[in-house]
């Protein structure tokens, strides 16, 4: 456990907490004194994260929740507020890659699934947290991406990139609207990170028809010569959740080892 407790006494909600960035952030926030409610669509994964936090002396609850179903989100929020009396931090991290296919070949159902999960899910995650945050303020962090914001060469990702651009626009609107309640809203924009989100990618063979070959002289991740790690992103989220970033709101922060500057 770290001696520096940046989130002592705070209550954090983390969606997509069962793996990748969400898992790393949950472990780090718990290490820094936060009580964490772990939300994930996969109950087994999130229970394992909860067990690890408790084993290491932290405090955690597990919630089995689908962010595209608002009623289950509300129940998870009530669970945290009833258990711990408040909610201070919301990390809207859950999302999918969805269909990776040419626009002409993409089914409307595939488009809707990505929009529903990433964009509507983020909206619901924020909307239903506001009543719990309004009394004393707090911090909301949204996981967006370099795709749709700096990068447009991920061919076939029209739905995904649209949701990621939309998340940043929504973040800015929310930051201004919620500032009067001392609720800060920011977004992180990771590049390639070693997670399992690629498991949610549904790539079709027609992608070859629209892909334009792009060559980089020595790889496309200059700083690390490879993908970033979930813990590196978790440290950024910890900063944005803590009082160390008390004057930062309405801002997207890129964390990609300069990858997006090559695109």
Protein backbone atom coordinates (compact mmCIF):
# COMPACT_ATOMS: atom_id res chain seq x y z
CA UNK A 1 0.00 0.00 0.00
CA UNK A 2 1.21 3.49 -0.79
CA UNK A 3 1.78 5.91 2.08
CA UNK A 4 0.34 8.72 -0.03
CA UNK A 5 -3.46 8.52 0.25
CA UNK A 6 -4.77 10.91 -2.38
CA UNK A 7 -8.37 9.68 -2.25
CA UNK A 8 -8.86 8.97 1.46
CA UNK A 9 -12.53 8.92 2.39
CA UNK A 10 -13.77 9.27 -1.20
CA UNK A 11 -16.21 6.92 -2.91
CA UNK A 12 -15.51 5.99 -6.53
CA UNK A 13 -17.70 4.27 -9.12
CA UNK A 14 -15.82 2.56 -11.96
CA UNK A 15 -17.54 1.04 -15.00
CA UNK A 16 -15.75 -1.63 -16.99
CA UNK A 17 -13.87 -2.43 -13.77
CA UNK A 18 -13.37 -6.12 -14.48
CA UNK A 19 -10.39 -5.78 -16.81
CA UNK A 20 -7.87 -3.50 -18.50
CA UNK A 21 -7.90 0.20 -17.64
CA UNK A 22 -10.92 -0.15 -15.35
CA UNK A 23 -9.31 -2.91 -13.31
CA UNK A 24 -5.98 -1.10 -13.02
CA UNK A 25 -7.77 2.09 -11.93
CA UNK A 26 -9.87 0.27 -9.35
CA UNK A 27 -6.79 -1.29 -7.77
CA UNK A 28 -4.92 2.01 -7.77
CA UNK A 29 -7.81 4.06 -6.35
CA UNK A 30 -8.33 1.49 -3.59
CA UNK A 31 -4.62 1.62 -2.82
CA UNK A 32 -4.95 5.39 -2.47
CA UNK A 33 -7.76 5.15 0.06
CA UNK A 34 -10.94 5.22 -2.04
CA UNK A 35 -13.90 2.98 -1.44
CA UNK A 36 -14.74 1.59 -4.85
CA UNK A 37 -17.89 0.22 -6.41
CA UNK A 38 -16.84 -1.98 -9.32
CA UNK A 39 -19.31 -2.17 -12.20
CA UNK A 40 -18.92 -4.62 -15.05
CA UNK A 41 -21.14 -6.63 -17.35
CA UNK A 42 -19.07 -9.72 -16.43
CA UNK A 43 -19.82 -10.58 -12.79
CA UNK A 44 -17.04 -13.16 -12.42
CA UNK A 45 -14.32 -10.72 -13.51
CA UNK A 46 -15.48 -7.96 -11.23
CA UNK A 47 -15.76 -10.29 -8.24
CA UNK A 48 -12.10 -11.24 -8.74
CA UNK A 49 -11.09 -7.58 -8.72
CA UNK A 50 -13.13 -7.01 -5.56
CA UNK A 51 -11.48 -9.99 -3.86
CA UNK A 52 -8.00 -8.69 -4.75
CA UNK A 53 -8.78 -5.22 -3.37
CA UNK A 54 -10.11 -6.66 -0.10
CA UNK A 55 -7.14 -9.02 0.16
CA UNK A 56 -4.84 -6.01 -0.07
CA UNK A 57 -6.68 -4.15 2.68
CA UNK A 58 -8.97 -2.02 0.53
CA UNK A 59 -12.74 -1.52 0.50
CA UNK A 60 -14.85 -2.55 -2.48
CA UNK A 61 -18.30 -3.60 -3.62
CA UNK A 62 -19.13 -5.40 -6.87
CA UNK A 63 -22.06 -4.45 -9.09
CA UNK A 64 -23.23 -6.47 -12.06
CA UNK A 65 -24.51 -3.78 -14.40
CA UNK A 66 -25.03 -3.10 -18.10
CA UNK A 67 -24.43 0.61 -18.78
CA UNK A 68 -26.92 0.52 -21.65
CA UNK A 69 -29.67 -0.32 -19.12
CA UNK A 70 -30.18 2.76 -16.92
CA UNK A 71 -32.24 1.00 -14.26
CA UNK A 72 -29.31 -1.24 -13.34
CA UNK A 73 -26.99 1.79 -13.17
CA UNK A 74 -29.31 3.57 -10.76
CA UNK A 75 -29.41 0.51 -8.53
CA UNK A 76 -25.62 0.35 -8.46
CA UNK A 77 -25.38 4.03 -7.51
CA UNK A 78 -27.94 3.58 -4.74
CA UNK A 79 -25.94 0.61 -3.48
CA UNK A 80 -22.80 2.74 -3.10
CA UNK A 81 -24.63 5.72 -1.57
CA UNK A 82 -26.49 3.54 0.93
CA UNK A 83 -23.33 1.69 1.90
CA UNK A 84 -20.98 4.66 2.12
CA UNK A 85 -23.21 7.75 2.30
CA UNK A 86 -21.94 9.53 -0.79
CA UNK A 87 -20.41 9.31 -4.26
CA UNK A 88 -17.41 11.49 -5.11
CA UNK A 89 -15.88 10.05 -8.29
CA UNK A 90 -17.36 8.44 -11.40
CA UNK A 91 -15.06 6.84 -13.96
CA UNK A 92 -17.19 6.20 -17.09
CA UNK A 93 -14.84 3.71 -18.66
CA UNK A 94 -16.93 0.85 -20.05
CA UNK A 95 -17.17 0.50 -23.82
CA UNK A 96 -16.72 -1.72 -26.85
CA UNK A 97 -14.93 -1.50 -30.19
CA UNK A 98 -17.91 -2.97 -32.00
CA UNK A 99 -18.09 -3.64 -35.72
CA UNK A 100 -15.02 -2.81 -37.80
CA UNK A 101 -16.29 -2.73 -41.35
CA UNK A 102 -16.79 -0.32 -44.28
CA UNK A 103 -19.64 2.17 -43.89
CA UNK A 104 -21.39 0.73 -46.95
CA UNK A 105 -21.29 -2.78 -45.50
CA UNK A 106 -22.06 -1.92 -41.87
CA UNK A 107 -25.45 -3.09 -40.66
CA UNK A 108 -27.59 -0.53 -38.85
CA UNK A 109 -27.83 -2.96 -35.95
CA UNK A 110 -24.02 -2.95 -35.61
CA UNK A 111 -23.94 0.87 -35.72
CA UNK A 112 -26.69 1.05 -33.09
CA UNK A 113 -24.95 -1.43 -30.78
CA UNK A 114 -21.76 0.66 -30.67
CA UNK A 115 -23.64 3.94 -30.24
CA UNK A 116 -25.88 2.40 -27.59
CA UNK A 117 -23.02 1.04 -25.51
CA UNK A 118 -20.39 3.76 -25.85
CA UNK A 119 -22.33 6.99 -26.26
CA UNK A 120 -25.73 6.33 -24.68
CA UNK A 121 -24.01 4.29 -21.96
CA UNK A 122 -21.65 7.16 -21.13
CA UNK A 123 -24.56 9.62 -21.08
CA UNK A 124 -26.50 7.37 -18.69
CA UNK A 125 -23.45 6.81 -16.47
CA UNK A 126 -23.04 10.57 -16.05
CA UNK A 127 -26.75 11.51 -15.93
CA UNK A 128 -27.69 9.16 -13.13
CA UNK A 129 -24.61 10.04 -11.07
CA UNK A 130 -25.40 13.77 -10.93
CA UNK A 131 -27.97 13.63 -8.08
CA UNK A 132 -25.38 11.88 -5.90
CA UNK A 133 -22.58 14.33 -6.77
CA UNK A 134 -24.48 17.64 -6.60
CA UNK A 135 -24.41 18.18 -2.84
CA UNK A 136 -20.65 18.54 -2.46
CA UNK A 137 -19.20 18.21 -5.95
CA UNK A 138 -16.91 15.59 -7.36
CA UNK A 139 -15.03 14.36 -10.41
CA UNK A 140 -16.26 12.56 -13.52
CA UNK A 141 -13.75 11.02 -15.93
CA UNK A 142 -14.77 9.59 -19.30
CA UNK A 143 -12.67 7.16 -21.33
CA UNK A 144 -12.62 8.40 -24.91
CA UNK A 145 -9.84 7.65 -27.42
CA UNK A 146 -7.39 9.18 -29.87
CA UNK A 147 -9.74 7.72 -32.52
CA UNK A 148 -12.34 10.27 -33.54
CA UNK A 149 -10.37 13.09 -31.93
CA UNK A 150 -6.86 13.08 -33.40
CA UNK A 151 -6.83 9.90 -35.46
CA UNK A 152 -9.05 9.00 -38.42
CA UNK A 153 -7.01 6.23 -40.03
CA UNK A 154 -8.53 3.32 -38.11
CA UNK A 155 -10.40 2.16 -41.18
CA UNK A 156 -13.73 0.51 -40.49
CA UNK A 157 -14.11 2.19 -37.12
CA UNK A 158 -16.67 4.80 -38.21
CA UNK A 159 -19.11 3.89 -35.43
CA UNK A 160 -16.45 3.62 -32.72
CA UNK A 161 -14.72 6.87 -33.72
CA UNK A 162 -18.06 8.67 -33.82
CA UNK A 163 -18.81 7.61 -30.25
CA UNK A 164 -15.37 8.71 -29.09
CA UNK A 165 -15.72 12.15 -30.68
CA UNK A 166 -19.20 12.40 -29.19
CA UNK A 167 -17.90 11.56 -25.72
CA UNK A 168 -15.48 14.50 -25.84
CA UNK A 169 -18.18 16.91 -27.00
CA UNK A 170 -20.53 15.63 -24.29
CA UNK A 171 -17.76 16.00 -21.70
CA UNK A 172 -17.30 19.67 -22.57
CA UNK A 173 -21.02 20.37 -22.40
CA UNK A 174 -21.29 18.56 -19.06
CA UNK A 175 -18.24 20.34 -17.62
CA UNK A 176 -19.79 23.74 -18.21
CA UNK A 177 -23.26 22.75 -17.06
CA UNK A 178 -22.07 21.04 -13.88
CA UNK A 179 -19.40 23.56 -12.84
CA UNK A 180 -21.93 25.40 -10.66
CA UNK A 181 -22.17 22.23 -8.56
CA UNK A 182 -18.37 21.90 -8.28
CA UNK A 183 -18.52 18.75 -10.42
CA UNK A 184 -15.50 18.49 -12.71
CA UNK A 185 -15.78 16.53 -15.96
CA UNK A 186 -12.77 15.49 -18.03
CA UNK A 187 -11.92 12.84 -20.63
CA UNK A 188 -8.88 10.69 -21.24
CA UNK A 189 -7.89 9.78 -24.79
CA UNK A 190 -5.69 6.68 -24.78
CA UNK A 191 -3.88 5.33 -27.80
CA UNK A 192 -2.94 1.66 -28.03
CA UNK A 193 -3.06 0.16 -24.53
CA UNK A 194 -2.54 -3.50 -23.60
CA UNK A 195 -6.12 -4.47 -22.73
CA UNK A 196 -8.67 -7.02 -23.87
CA UNK A 197 -10.97 -4.54 -25.67
CA UNK A 198 -9.97 -6.11 -28.98
CA UNK A 199 -12.12 -9.05 -27.93
CA UNK A 200 -15.12 -6.79 -28.61
CA UNK A 201 -14.02 -6.03 -32.18
CA UNK A 202 -16.09 -7.62 -34.95
CA UNK A 203 -13.84 -7.26 -38.01
CA UNK A 204 -15.18 -8.16 -41.43
CA UNK A 205 -13.20 -9.28 -44.51
CA UNK A 206 -14.62 -6.37 -46.56
CA UNK A 207 -12.34 -4.06 -44.58
CA UNK A 208 -9.59 -4.67 -47.12
CA UNK A 209 -11.68 -2.82 -49.72
CA UNK A 210 -11.40 0.54 -47.91
CA UNK A 211 -8.08 0.30 -46.07
CA UNK A 212 -5.40 2.68 -47.31
CA UNK A 213 -1.90 1.32 -46.57
CA UNK A 214 0.05 3.50 -44.14
CA UNK A 215 3.70 2.91 -43.36
CA UNK A 216 5.61 4.26 -40.37
CA UNK A 217 9.42 4.32 -40.55
CA UNK A 218 10.02 2.72 -37.15
CA UNK A 219 6.69 1.82 -35.63
CA UNK A 220 3.76 4.01 -34.68
CA UNK A 221 4.37 4.46 -30.94
CA UNK A 222 7.44 6.70 -30.58
CA UNK A 223 7.74 6.95 -26.79
CA UNK A 224 7.42 3.34 -25.72
CA UNK A 225 7.95 1.45 -29.00
CA UNK A 226 4.82 -0.50 -28.15
CA UNK A 227 1.43 -0.12 -26.48
CA UNK A 228 0.99 1.62 -23.16
CA UNK A 229 0.05 -0.23 -19.98
CA UNK A 230 -3.25 0.02 -18.07
CA UNK A 231 -1.43 1.22 -14.95
CA UNK A 232 -0.05 4.22 -16.84
CA UNK A 233 -3.60 5.24 -17.75
CA UNK A 234 -4.82 4.51 -14.22
CA UNK A 235 -2.32 7.01 -12.82
CA UNK A 236 -3.76 9.71 -15.07
CA UNK A 237 -7.30 8.87 -13.93
CA UNK A 238 -6.14 8.98 -10.29
CA UNK A 239 -4.80 12.50 -10.85
CA UNK A 240 -8.03 13.69 -12.50
CA UNK A 241 -10.09 12.13 -9.69
CA UNK A 242 -8.01 13.72 -6.93
CA UNK A 243 -7.90 17.24 -5.53
CA UNK A 244 -4.54 17.65 -7.28
CA UNK A 245 -6.56 18.49 -10.43
CA UNK A 246 -9.08 20.73 -8.67
CA UNK A 247 -8.94 23.46 -11.36
CA UNK A 248 -9.09 21.12 -14.37
CA UNK A 249 -12.43 20.55 -16.08
CA UNK A 250 -13.73 20.36 -19.63
CA UNK A 251 -10.41 18.96 -20.85
CA UNK A 252 -9.41 15.92 -22.88
CA UNK A 253 -5.99 14.50 -22.00
CA UNK A 254 -4.13 12.38 -24.56
CA UNK A 255 -2.14 9.42 -23.23
CA UNK A 256 -0.64 7.65 -26.21
CA UNK A 257 3.16 8.02 -26.20
CA UNK A 258 2.86 10.51 -29.13
CA UNK A 259 1.20 7.84 -31.30
CA UNK A 260 -1.54 10.19 -32.51
CA UNK A 261 0.99 12.82 -33.61
CA UNK A 262 2.15 10.47 -36.37
CA UNK A 263 -1.32 10.07 -37.87
